[in-house]
All heavy atoms as atom14 arrays in JSON, in Angstrom:
{
  "sequence": "RQFTHGAWHSHSPEWSPDGTELLFETNQDGVWELYRSPFSTWKPRR",
  "atom14_mask": [
    [1, 1, 1, 1, 1, 1, 1, 1, 1, 1, 1, 0, 0, 0],
    [1, 1, 1, 1, 1, 1, 1, 1, 1, 0, 0, 0, 0, 0],
    [1, 1, 1, 1, 1, 1, 1, 1, 1, 1, 1, 0, 0, 0],
    [1, 1, 1, 1, 1, 1, 1, 0, 0, 0, 0, 0, 0, 0],
    [1, 1, 1, 1, 1, 1, 1, 1, 1, 1, 0, 0, 0, 0],
    [1, 1, 1, 1, 0, 0, 0, 0, 0, 0, 0, 0, 0, 0],
    [1, 1, 1, 1, 1, 0, 0, 0, 0, 0, 0, 0, 0, 0],
    [1, 1, 1, 1, 1, 1, 1, 1, 1, 1, 1, 1, 1, 1],
    [1, 1, 1, 1, 1, 1, 1, 1, 1, 1, 0, 0, 0, 0],
    [1, 1, 1, 1, 1, 1, 0, 0, 0, 0, 0, 0, 0, 0],
    [1, 1, 1, 1, 1, 1, 1, 1, 1, 1, 0, 0, 0, 0],
    [1, 1, 1, 1, 1, 1, 0, 0, 0, 0, 0, 0, 0, 0],
    [1, 1, 1, 1, 1, 1, 1, 0, 0, 0, 0, 0, 0, 0],
    [1, 1, 1, 1, 1, 1, 1, 1, 1, 0, 0, 0, 0, 0],
    [1, 1, 1, 1, 1, 1, 1, 1, 1, 1, 1, 1, 1, 1],
    [1, 1, 1, 1, 1, 1, 0, 0, 0, 0, 0, 0, 0, 0],
    [1, 1, 1, 1, 1, 1, 1, 0, 0, 0, 0, 0, 0, 0],
    [1, 1, 1, 1, 1, 1, 1, 1, 0, 0, 0, 0, 0, 0],
    [1, 1, 1, 1, 0, 0, 0, 0, 0, 0, 0, 0, 0, 0],
    [1, 1, 1, 1, 1, 1, 1, 0, 0, 0, 0, 0, 0, 0],
    [1, 1, 1, 1, 1, 1, 1, 1, 1, 0, 0, 0, 0, 0],
    [1, 1, 1, 1, 1, 1, 1, 1, 0, 0, 0, 0, 0, 0],
    [1, 1, 1, 1, 1, 1, 1, 1, 0, 0, 0, 0, 0, 0],
    [1, 1, 1, 1, 1, 1, 1, 1, 1, 1, 1, 0, 0, 0],
    [1, 1, 1, 1, 1, 1, 1, 1, 1, 0, 0, 0, 0, 0],
    [1, 1, 1, 1, 1, 1, 1, 0, 0, 0, 0, 0, 0, 0],
    [1, 1, 1, 1, 1, 1, 1, 1, 0, 0, 0, 0, 0, 0],
    [1, 1, 1, 1, 1, 1, 1, 1, 1, 0, 0, 0, 0, 0],
    [1, 1, 1, 1, 1, 1, 1, 1, 0, 0, 0, 0, 0, 0],
    [1, 1, 1, 1, 0, 0, 0, 0, 0, 0, 0, 0, 0, 0],
    [1, 1, 1, 1, 1, 1, 1, 0, 0, 0, 0, 0, 0, 0],
    [1, 1, 1, 1, 1, 1, 1, 1, 1, 1, 1, 1, 1, 1],
    [1, 1, 1, 1, 1, 1, 1, 1, 1, 0, 0, 0, 0, 0],
    [1, 1, 1, 1, 1, 1, 1, 1, 0, 0, 0, 0, 0, 0],
    [1, 1, 1, 1, 1, 1, 1, 1, 1, 1, 1, 1, 0, 0],
    [1, 1, 1, 1, 1, 1, 1, 1, 1, 1, 1, 0, 0, 0],
    [1, 1, 1, 1, 1, 1, 0, 0, 0, 0, 0, 0, 0, 0],
    [1, 1, 1, 1, 1, 1, 1, 0, 0, 0, 0, 0, 0, 0],
    [1, 1, 1, 1, 1, 1, 1, 1, 1, 1, 1, 0, 0, 0],
    [1, 1, 1, 1, 1, 1, 0, 0, 0, 0, 0, 0, 0, 0],
    [1, 1, 1, 1, 1, 1, 1, 0, 0, 0, 0, 0, 0, 0],
    [1, 1, 1, 1, 1, 1, 1, 1, 1, 1, 1, 1, 1, 1],
    [1, 1, 1, 1, 1, 1, 1, 1, 1, 0, 0, 0, 0, 0],
    [1, 1, 1, 1, 1, 1, 1, 0, 0, 0, 0, 0, 0, 0],
    [1, 1, 1, 1, 1, 1, 1, 1, 1, 1, 1, 0, 0, 0],
    [1, 1, 1, 1, 1, 1, 1, 1, 1, 1, 1, 0, 0, 0]
  ],
  "atom14_positions": [
    [[13.7, -11.14, -17.63], [14.01, -9.91, -16.92], [13.98, -10.17, -15.4], [13.17, -10.87, -14.91], [12.94, -8.83, -17.23], [12.76, -8.54, -18.7], [11.72, -7.37, -19.0], [11.58, -7.15, -20.42], [10.91, -6.13, -20.84], [10.38, -5.24, -20.01], [10.85, -5.99, -22.18], [0.0, 0.0, 0.0], [0.0, 0.0, 0.0], [0.0, 0.0, 0.0]],
    [[14.93, -9.52, -14.75], [14.98, -9.57, -13.34], [14.74, -8.14, -12.81], [15.41, -7.23, -13.22], [16.33, -10.02, -12.74], [16.35, -10.05, -11.25], [17.7, -10.55, -10.72], [18.41, -11.31, -11.37], [18.14, -9.96, -9.59], [0.0, 0.0, 0.0], [0.0, 0.0, 0.0], [0.0, 0.0, 0.0], [0.0, 0.0, 0.0], [0.0, 0.0, 0.0]],
    [[13.76, -7.91, -11.94], [13.31, -6.66, -11.59], [13.81, -6.2, -10.25], [14.15, -5.01, -10.01], [11.77, -6.57, -11.55], [11.21, -6.66, -12.93], [10.53, -7.78, -13.36], [11.32, -5.61, -13.85], [9.97, -7.92, -14.59], [10.78, -5.7, -15.12], [10.14, -6.86, -15.49], [0.0, 0.0, 0.0], [0.0, 0.0, 0.0], [0.0, 0.0, 0.0]],
    [[13.83, -6.99, -9.26], [14.4, -6.67, -7.9], [15.79, -7.24, -7.78], [16.13, -8.27, -8.34], [13.48, -7.2, -6.76], [13.37, -8.7, -6.85], [12.1, -6.62, -6.91], [0.0, 0.0, 0.0], [0.0, 0.0, 0.0], [0.0, 0.0, 0.0], [0.0, 0.0, 0.0], [0.0, 0.0, 0.0], [0.0, 0.0, 0.0], [0.0, 0.0, 0.0]],
    [[16.66, -6.52, -7.06], [18.04, -6.87, -7.06], [18.67, -6.67, -5.66], [19.88, -6.86, -5.53], [18.8, -5.9, -8.09], [18.47, -6.11, -9.44], [19.18, -6.88, -10.29], [17.4, -5.6, -10.15], [18.63, -6.87, -11.54], [17.53, -6.09, -11.44], [0.0, 0.0, 0.0], [0.0, 0.0, 0.0], [0.0, 0.0, 0.0], [0.0, 0.0, 0.0]],
    [[17.92, -6.42, -4.69], [18.49, -6.02, -3.35], [18.86, -7.28, -2.52], [18.52, -8.38, -2.88], [0.0, 0.0, 0.0], [0.0, 0.0, 0.0], [0.0, 0.0, 0.0], [0.0, 0.0, 0.0], [0.0, 0.0, 0.0], [0.0, 0.0, 0.0], [0.0, 0.0, 0.0], [0.0, 0.0, 0.0], [0.0, 0.0, 0.0], [0.0, 0.0, 0.0]],
    [[19.54, -7.01, -1.4], [19.9, -8.11, -0.46], [18.73, -8.27, 0.52], [18.81, -8.11, 1.69], [21.15, -7.75, 0.31], [0.0, 0.0, 0.0], [0.0, 0.0, 0.0], [0.0, 0.0, 0.0], [0.0, 0.0, 0.0], [0.0, 0.0, 0.0], [0.0, 0.0, 0.0], [0.0, 0.0, 0.0], [0.0, 0.0, 0.0], [0.0, 0.0, 0.0]],
    [[17.58, -8.69, -0.1], [16.28, -8.92, 0.59], [15.49, -9.78, -0.25], [15.79, -9.95, -1.46], [15.65, -7.66, 1.03], [15.48, -6.68, -0.08], [14.48, -6.74, -1.13], [16.21, -5.51, -0.31], [14.68, -5.67, -1.97], [15.71, -4.88, -1.52], [17.23, -4.91, 0.31], [16.2, -3.71, -2.04], [17.78, -3.68, -0.18], [17.3, -3.11, -1.35]],
    [[14.34, -10.34, 0.26], [13.47, -11.15, -0.48], [12.33, -10.3, -1.07], [11.79, -9.39, -0.5], [12.87, -12.26, 0.37], [13.88, -13.26, 0.89], [14.66, -14.02, 0.08], [14.23, -13.66, 2.15], [15.46, -14.83, 0.77], [15.19, -14.59, 2.09], [0.0, 0.0, 0.0], [0.0, 0.0, 0.0], [0.0, 0.0, 0.0], [0.0, 0.0, 0.0]],
    [[11.95, -10.72, -2.28], [10.78, -10.08, -2.99], [10.13, -11.3, -3.77], [10.79, -12.04, -4.5], [11.16, -9.05, -3.98], [11.88, -8.0, -3.31], [0.0, 0.0, 0.0], [0.0, 0.0, 0.0], [0.0, 0.0, 0.0], [0.0, 0.0, 0.0], [0.0, 0.0, 0.0], [0.0, 0.0, 0.0], [0.0, 0.0, 0.0], [0.0, 0.0, 0.0]],
    [[8.83, -11.42, -3.57], [8.15, -12.49, -4.24], [6.63, -12.24, -4.41], [6.14, -11.15, -4.15], [8.43, -13.8, -3.54], [7.9, -13.92, -2.18], [6.56, -14.1, -1.82], [8.56, -13.86, -0.91], [6.43, -14.21, -0.5], [7.61, -14.04, 0.07], [0.0, 0.0, 0.0], [0.0, 0.0, 0.0], [0.0, 0.0, 0.0], [0.0, 0.0, 0.0]],
    [[5.92, -13.27, -4.77], [4.4, -13.22, -4.98], [4.01, -12.17, -5.89], [3.06, -11.37, -5.65], [3.77, -13.07, -3.6], [4.01, -14.07, -2.71], [0.0, 0.0, 0.0], [0.0, 0.0, 0.0], [0.0, 0.0, 0.0], [0.0, 0.0, 0.0], [0.0, 0.0, 0.0], [0.0, 0.0, 0.0], [0.0, 0.0, 0.0], [0.0, 0.0, 0.0]],
    [[4.57, -12.05, -7.16], [4.15, -11.05, -8.07], [2.77, -11.36, -8.59], [2.41, -12.44, -8.87], [5.2, -11.15, -9.22], [5.63, -12.56, -9.2], [5.72, -12.86, -7.7], [0.0, 0.0, 0.0], [0.0, 0.0, 0.0], [0.0, 0.0, 0.0], [0.0, 0.0, 0.0], [0.0, 0.0, 0.0], [0.0, 0.0, 0.0], [0.0, 0.0, 0.0]],
    [[1.96, -10.33, -8.76], [0.56, -10.35, -9.27], [0.35, -9.25, -10.33], [0.69, -8.09, -10.04], [-0.41, -10.22, -8.09], [-0.5, -11.4, -7.15], [-1.13, -12.6, -7.69], [-1.86, -12.46, -8.75], [-1.0, -13.73, -7.15], [0.0, 0.0, 0.0], [0.0, 0.0, 0.0], [0.0, 0.0, 0.0], [0.0, 0.0, 0.0], [0.0, 0.0, 0.0]],
    [[-0.16, -9.63, -11.43], [-0.51, -8.67, -12.45], [-1.79, -7.8, -12.18], [-2.67, -8.36, -11.67], [-0.68, -9.36, -13.84], [0.6, -10.08, -14.33], [0.91, -11.37, -14.16], [1.62, -9.51, -15.13], [2.09, -11.62, -14.79], [2.56, -10.5, -15.42], [1.82, -8.21, -15.65], [3.66, -10.3, -16.17], [2.93, -8.02, -16.42], [3.86, -8.98, -16.65]],
    [[-1.65, -6.54, -12.57], [-2.9, -5.8, -12.5], [-3.83, -6.26, -13.63], [-3.37, -6.87, -14.62], [-2.55, -4.27, -12.73], [-1.93, -4.13, -13.98], [0.0, 0.0, 0.0], [0.0, 0.0, 0.0], [0.0, 0.0, 0.0], [0.0, 0.0, 0.0], [0.0, 0.0, 0.0], [0.0, 0.0, 0.0], [0.0, 0.0, 0.0], [0.0, 0.0, 0.0]],
    [[-5.1, -6.06, -13.54], [-6.04, -6.57, -14.61], [-5.71, -6.09, -15.91], [-6.03, -6.73, -16.89], [-7.36, -5.99, -14.0], [-7.22, -5.92, -12.53], [-5.8, -5.48, -12.34], [0.0, 0.0, 0.0], [0.0, 0.0, 0.0], [0.0, 0.0, 0.0], [0.0, 0.0, 0.0], [0.0, 0.0, 0.0], [0.0, 0.0, 0.0], [0.0, 0.0, 0.0]],
    [[-5.15, -4.86, -16.09], [-4.77, -4.35, -17.36], [-3.42, -4.77, -17.9], [-2.92, -4.4, -18.95], [-5.02, -2.86, -17.47], [-4.06, -2.07, -16.58], [-3.2, -2.72, -15.92], [-4.25, -0.82, -16.5], [0.0, 0.0, 0.0], [0.0, 0.0, 0.0], [0.0, 0.0, 0.0], [0.0, 0.0, 0.0], [0.0, 0.0, 0.0], [0.0, 0.0, 0.0]],
    [[-2.62, -5.47, -17.0], [-1.35, -5.92, -17.39], [-0.21, -4.93, -17.37], [0.88, -5.17, -17.82], [0.0, 0.0, 0.0], [0.0, 0.0, 0.0], [0.0, 0.0, 0.0], [0.0, 0.0, 0.0], [0.0, 0.0, 0.0], [0.0, 0.0, 0.0], [0.0, 0.0, 0.0], [0.0, 0.0, 0.0], [0.0, 0.0, 0.0], [0.0, 0.0, 0.0]],
    [[-0.5, -3.71, -16.8], [0.57, -2.64, -16.86], [1.37, -2.62, -15.62], [2.42, -1.9, -15.57], [-0.15, -1.33, -17.11], [-0.94, -0.99, -16.0], [-0.89, -1.25, -18.45], [0.0, 0.0, 0.0], [0.0, 0.0, 0.0], [0.0, 0.0, 0.0], [0.0, 0.0, 0.0], [0.0, 0.0, 0.0], [0.0, 0.0, 0.0], [0.0, 0.0, 0.0]],
    [[0.98, -3.21, -14.49], [1.66, -3.17, -13.26], [1.81, -4.57, -12.63], [1.09, -5.51, -12.93], [0.9, -2.25, -12.29], [0.85, -0.81, -12.64], [0.21, -0.01, -11.59], [0.95, 0.45, -10.7], [-1.0, 0.15, -11.66], [0.0, 0.0, 0.0], [0.0, 0.0, 0.0], [0.0, 0.0, 0.0], [0.0, 0.0, 0.0], [0.0, 0.0, 0.0]],
    [[2.79, -4.63, -11.74], [2.97, -5.8, -10.86], [2.87, -5.37, -9.39], [3.37, -4.25, -8.98], [4.32, -6.47, -11.09], [4.45, -7.33, -12.33], [5.86, -7.81, -12.51], [3.51, -8.54, -12.23], [0.0, 0.0, 0.0], [0.0, 0.0, 0.0], [0.0, 0.0, 0.0], [0.0, 0.0, 0.0], [0.0, 0.0, 0.0], [0.0, 0.0, 0.0]],
    [[2.19, -6.17, -8.64], [2.08, -6.01, -7.22], [2.88, -7.18, -6.61], [2.82, -8.3, -7.02], [0.59, -6.14, -6.82], [0.15, -5.84, -5.42], [0.39, -4.4, -5.03], [-1.31, -6.21, -5.19], [0.0, 0.0, 0.0], [0.0, 0.0, 0.0], [0.0, 0.0, 0.0], [0.0, 0.0, 0.0], [0.0, 0.0, 0.0], [0.0, 0.0, 0.0]],
    [[3.65, -6.88, -5.58], [4.48, -8.0, -4.98], [4.72, -7.59, -3.49], [4.48, -6.49, -3.07], [5.85, -8.09, -5.73], [6.77, -6.9, -5.73], [7.85, -6.88, -4.82], [6.49, -5.85, -6.54], [8.64, -5.79, -4.79], [7.34, -4.71, -6.48], [8.43, -4.67, -5.63], [0.0, 0.0, 0.0], [0.0, 0.0, 0.0], [0.0, 0.0, 0.0]],
    [[5.27, -8.55, -2.74], [5.62, -8.34, -1.38], [7.13, -8.46, -1.21], [7.77, -9.26, -1.89], [4.92, -9.27, -0.46], [5.19, -10.77, -0.56], [4.47, -11.58, 0.49], [4.83, -11.56, 1.67], [3.57, -12.27, 0.11], [0.0, 0.0, 0.0], [0.0, 0.0, 0.0], [0.0, 0.0, 0.0], [0.0, 0.0, 0.0], [0.0, 0.0, 0.0]],
    [[7.62, -7.65, -0.32], [9.09, -7.63, -0.06], [9.43, -7.22, 1.34], [8.56, -6.59, 2.05], [9.76, -6.69, -1.03], [11.21, -6.62, -0.75], [9.21, -5.21, -0.84], [0.0, 0.0, 0.0], [0.0, 0.0, 0.0], [0.0, 0.0, 0.0], [0.0, 0.0, 0.0], [0.0, 0.0, 0.0], [0.0, 0.0, 0.0], [0.0, 0.0, 0.0]],
    [[10.58, -7.71, 1.86], [10.94, -7.36, 3.21], [12.13, -6.34, 3.16], [12.93, -6.28, 4.1], [11.24, -8.59, 4.06], [12.5, -9.32, 3.52], [13.04, -9.07, 2.45], [12.88, -10.34, 4.23], [0.0, 0.0, 0.0], [0.0, 0.0, 0.0], [0.0, 0.0, 0.0], [0.0, 0.0, 0.0], [0.0, 0.0, 0.0], [0.0, 0.0, 0.0]],
    [[12.24, -5.56, 2.12], [13.41, -4.68, 1.91], [13.48, -3.54, 3.05], [14.53, -3.03, 3.24], [13.41, -4.04, 0.58], [12.37, -3.03, 0.28], [12.47, -2.45, -1.07], [12.33, -3.15, -2.04], [12.63, -1.17, -1.15], [0.0, 0.0, 0.0], [0.0, 0.0, 0.0], [0.0, 0.0, 0.0], [0.0, 0.0, 0.0], [0.0, 0.0, 0.0]],
    [[12.38, -3.29, 3.65], [12.31, -2.33, 4.75], [12.35, -2.95, 6.15], [12.0, -2.35, 7.13], [11.14, -1.37, 4.56], [11.21, -0.6, 3.23], [12.13, 0.17, 3.11], [10.32, -0.82, 2.49], [0.0, 0.0, 0.0], [0.0, 0.0, 0.0], [0.0, 0.0, 0.0], [0.0, 0.0, 0.0], [0.0, 0.0, 0.0], [0.0, 0.0, 0.0]],
    [[12.66, -4.2, 6.26], [12.82, -4.91, 7.46], [11.55, -5.61, 7.92], [11.58, -6.34, 8.96], [0.0, 0.0, 0.0], [0.0, 0.0, 0.0], [0.0, 0.0, 0.0], [0.0, 0.0, 0.0], [0.0, 0.0, 0.0], [0.0, 0.0, 0.0], [0.0, 0.0, 0.0], [0.0, 0.0, 0.0], [0.0, 0.0, 0.0], [0.0, 0.0, 0.0]],
    [[10.4, -5.39, 7.24], [9.18, -6.07, 7.52], [8.5, -6.34, 6.16], [8.63, -5.58, 5.24], [8.29, -5.28, 8.46], [7.87, -3.97, 7.87], [7.11, -6.06, 8.99], [0.0, 0.0, 0.0], [0.0, 0.0, 0.0], [0.0, 0.0, 0.0], [0.0, 0.0, 0.0], [0.0, 0.0, 0.0], [0.0, 0.0, 0.0], [0.0, 0.0, 0.0]],
    [[7.66, -7.39, 6.07], [7.03, -7.63, 4.86], [5.92, -6.69, 4.55], [5.0, -6.52, 5.38], [6.42, -9.07, 4.88], [7.49, -10.14, 4.84], [8.01, -10.87, 5.92], [8.14, -10.65, 3.77], [8.89, -11.75, 5.49], [9.08, -11.63, 4.13], [8.09, -10.34, 2.33], [9.87, -12.35, 3.29], [8.89, -11.13, 1.47], [9.78, -12.06, 1.9]],
    [[6.04, -6.0, 3.39], [5.04, -5.03, 2.97], [4.82, -5.26, 1.49], [5.51, -5.88, 0.77], [5.63, -3.59, 3.22], [5.98, -3.3, 4.65], [4.8, -3.07, 5.58], [3.62, -3.29, 5.1], [5.02, -2.72, 6.75], [0.0, 0.0, 0.0], [0.0, 0.0, 0.0], [0.0, 0.0, 0.0], [0.0, 0.0, 0.0], [0.0, 0.0, 0.0]],
    [[3.79, -4.56, 0.98], [3.32, -4.62, -0.4], [3.88, -3.42, -1.17], [3.91, -2.3, -0.67], [1.83, -4.66, -0.52], [1.09, -5.75, 0.15], [-0.41, -5.7, -0.16], [1.63, -7.13, -0.2], [0.0, 0.0, 0.0], [0.0, 0.0, 0.0], [0.0, 0.0, 0.0], [0.0, 0.0, 0.0], [0.0, 0.0, 0.0], [0.0, 0.0, 0.0]],
    [[4.35, -3.72, -2.37], [4.76, -2.66, -3.38], [4.08, -2.87, -4.67], [3.61, -3.99, -4.98], [6.3, -2.79, -3.5], [7.14, -2.11, -2.43], [7.14, -2.61, -1.2], [7.89, -0.95, -2.84], [8.03, -2.03, -0.21], [8.61, -0.34, -1.82], [8.67, -0.86, -0.57], [9.48, -0.21, 0.4], [0.0, 0.0, 0.0], [0.0, 0.0, 0.0]],
    [[3.95, -1.8, -5.41], [3.48, -1.9, -6.82], [4.42, -1.19, -7.71], [5.11, -0.24, -7.27], [2.06, -1.32, -6.91], [2.08, 0.15, -6.79], [0.67, 0.77, -6.73], [-0.06, 0.66, -8.04], [-1.17, 1.36, -8.26], [-1.75, 2.14, -7.32], [-1.81, 1.22, -9.44], [0.0, 0.0, 0.0], [0.0, 0.0, 0.0], [0.0, 0.0, 0.0]],
    [[4.46, -1.65, -8.95], [5.37, -0.9, -9.93], [4.88, -1.1, -11.31], [4.35, -2.1, -11.72], [6.76, -1.46, -9.88], [7.59, -0.87, -10.86], [0.0, 0.0, 0.0], [0.0, 0.0, 0.0], [0.0, 0.0, 0.0], [0.0, 0.0, 0.0], [0.0, 0.0, 0.0], [0.0, 0.0, 0.0], [0.0, 0.0, 0.0], [0.0, 0.0, 0.0]],
    [[5.02, -0.1, -12.18], [4.76, -0.27, -13.66], [5.69, -1.37, -14.18], [6.86, -1.45, -13.79], [5.07, 1.04, -14.2], [4.99, 2.06, -13.15], [5.42, 1.3, -11.87], [0.0, 0.0, 0.0], [0.0, 0.0, 0.0], [0.0, 0.0, 0.0], [0.0, 0.0, 0.0], [0.0, 0.0, 0.0], [0.0, 0.0, 0.0], [0.0, 0.0, 0.0]],
    [[5.18, -2.24, -14.97], [5.98, -3.36, -15.57], [7.0, -2.8, -16.54], [8.16, -3.3, -16.54], [5.09, -4.29, -16.23], [5.78, -5.45, -16.95], [6.4, -6.38, -16.21], [5.79, -5.53, -18.33], [7.13, -7.43, -16.76], [6.49, -6.62, -18.94], [7.12, -7.51, -18.17], [0.0, 0.0, 0.0], [0.0, 0.0, 0.0], [0.0, 0.0, 0.0]],
    [[6.72, -1.8, -17.32], [7.57, -1.28, -18.37], [8.76, -0.47, -17.81], [9.81, -0.54, -18.45], [6.83, -0.53, -19.42], [6.23, 0.64, -18.77], [0.0, 0.0, 0.0], [0.0, 0.0, 0.0], [0.0, 0.0, 0.0], [0.0, 0.0, 0.0], [0.0, 0.0, 0.0], [0.0, 0.0, 0.0], [0.0, 0.0, 0.0], [0.0, 0.0, 0.0]],
    [[8.59, 0.22, -16.73], [9.66, 1.15, -16.29], [10.2, 0.75, -14.95], [11.3, 1.17, -14.56], [9.13, 2.58, -16.15], [8.03, 2.55, -15.27], [8.67, 3.11, -17.52], [0.0, 0.0, 0.0], [0.0, 0.0, 0.0], [0.0, 0.0, 0.0], [0.0, 0.0, 0.0], [0.0, 0.0, 0.0], [0.0, 0.0, 0.0], [0.0, 0.0, 0.0]],
    [[9.5, -0.06, -14.2], [9.91, -0.53, -12.89], [10.35, 0.45, -11.92], [11.55, 0.72, -11.75], [10.96, -1.66, -13.0], [10.96, -2.49, -11.76], [11.87, -2.46, -10.72], [10.0, -3.4, -11.27], [11.53, -3.3, -9.69], [10.35, -3.91, -10.06], [8.81, -3.85, -11.9], [9.62, -4.83, -9.36], [8.03, -4.8, -11.2], [8.46, -5.28, -9.99]],
    [[9.39, 1.16, -11.39], [9.63, 2.16, -10.25], [8.72, 1.82, -9.08], [7.62, 2.38, -8.95], [9.35, 3.57, -10.8], [10.28, 3.97, -11.95], [9.94, 5.37, -12.45], [10.97, 5.81, -13.52], [10.64, 7.13, -14.1], [0.0, 0.0, 0.0], [0.0, 0.0, 0.0], [0.0, 0.0, 0.0], [0.0, 0.0, 0.0], [0.0, 0.0, 0.0]],
    [[9.22, 0.91, -8.23], [8.23, 0.43, -7.2], [7.92, 1.59, -6.2], [8.65, 2.47, -5.89], [9.17, -0.63, -6.44], [10.17, -1.0, -7.4], [10.47, 0.19, -8.25], [0.0, 0.0, 0.0], [0.0, 0.0, 0.0], [0.0, 0.0, 0.0], [0.0, 0.0, 0.0], [0.0, 0.0, 0.0], [0.0, 0.0, 0.0], [0.0, 0.0, 0.0]],
    [[6.63, 1.45, -5.71], [6.11, 2.31, -4.77], [5.52, 1.58, -3.57], [4.73, 0.58, -3.82], [5.05, 3.24, -5.35], [4.46, 4.27, -4.41], [3.85, 5.41, -5.21], [2.81, 4.94, -6.19], [1.49, 4.82, -5.92], [1.06, 5.22, -4.74], [0.7, 4.49, -6.83], [0.0, 0.0, 0.0], [0.0, 0.0, 0.0], [0.0, 0.0, 0.0]],
    [[5.84, 1.86, -2.37], [5.33, 1.17, -1.22], [3.87, 1.44, -0.95], [3.45, 2.57, -1.03], [6.17, 1.54, 0.07], [5.86, 0.73, 1.27], [6.89, 1.05, 2.35], [6.58, 0.34, 3.57], [7.4, 0.33, 4.62], [8.5, 0.98, 4.58], [7.01, -0.33, 5.72], [0.0, 0.0, 0.0], [0.0, 0.0, 0.0], [0.0, 0.0, 0.0]]
  ]
}
């Protein structure tokens, strides 16, 4: 599965302890920030 698709970098995925979410960093907003998303539905939140 590929989760991010934009013309920017996203990396350093980390699993939540219960395995339901991924935490990652991305520069999609012009600066490197942290996002989290449910693994099953993939709806990132800054």
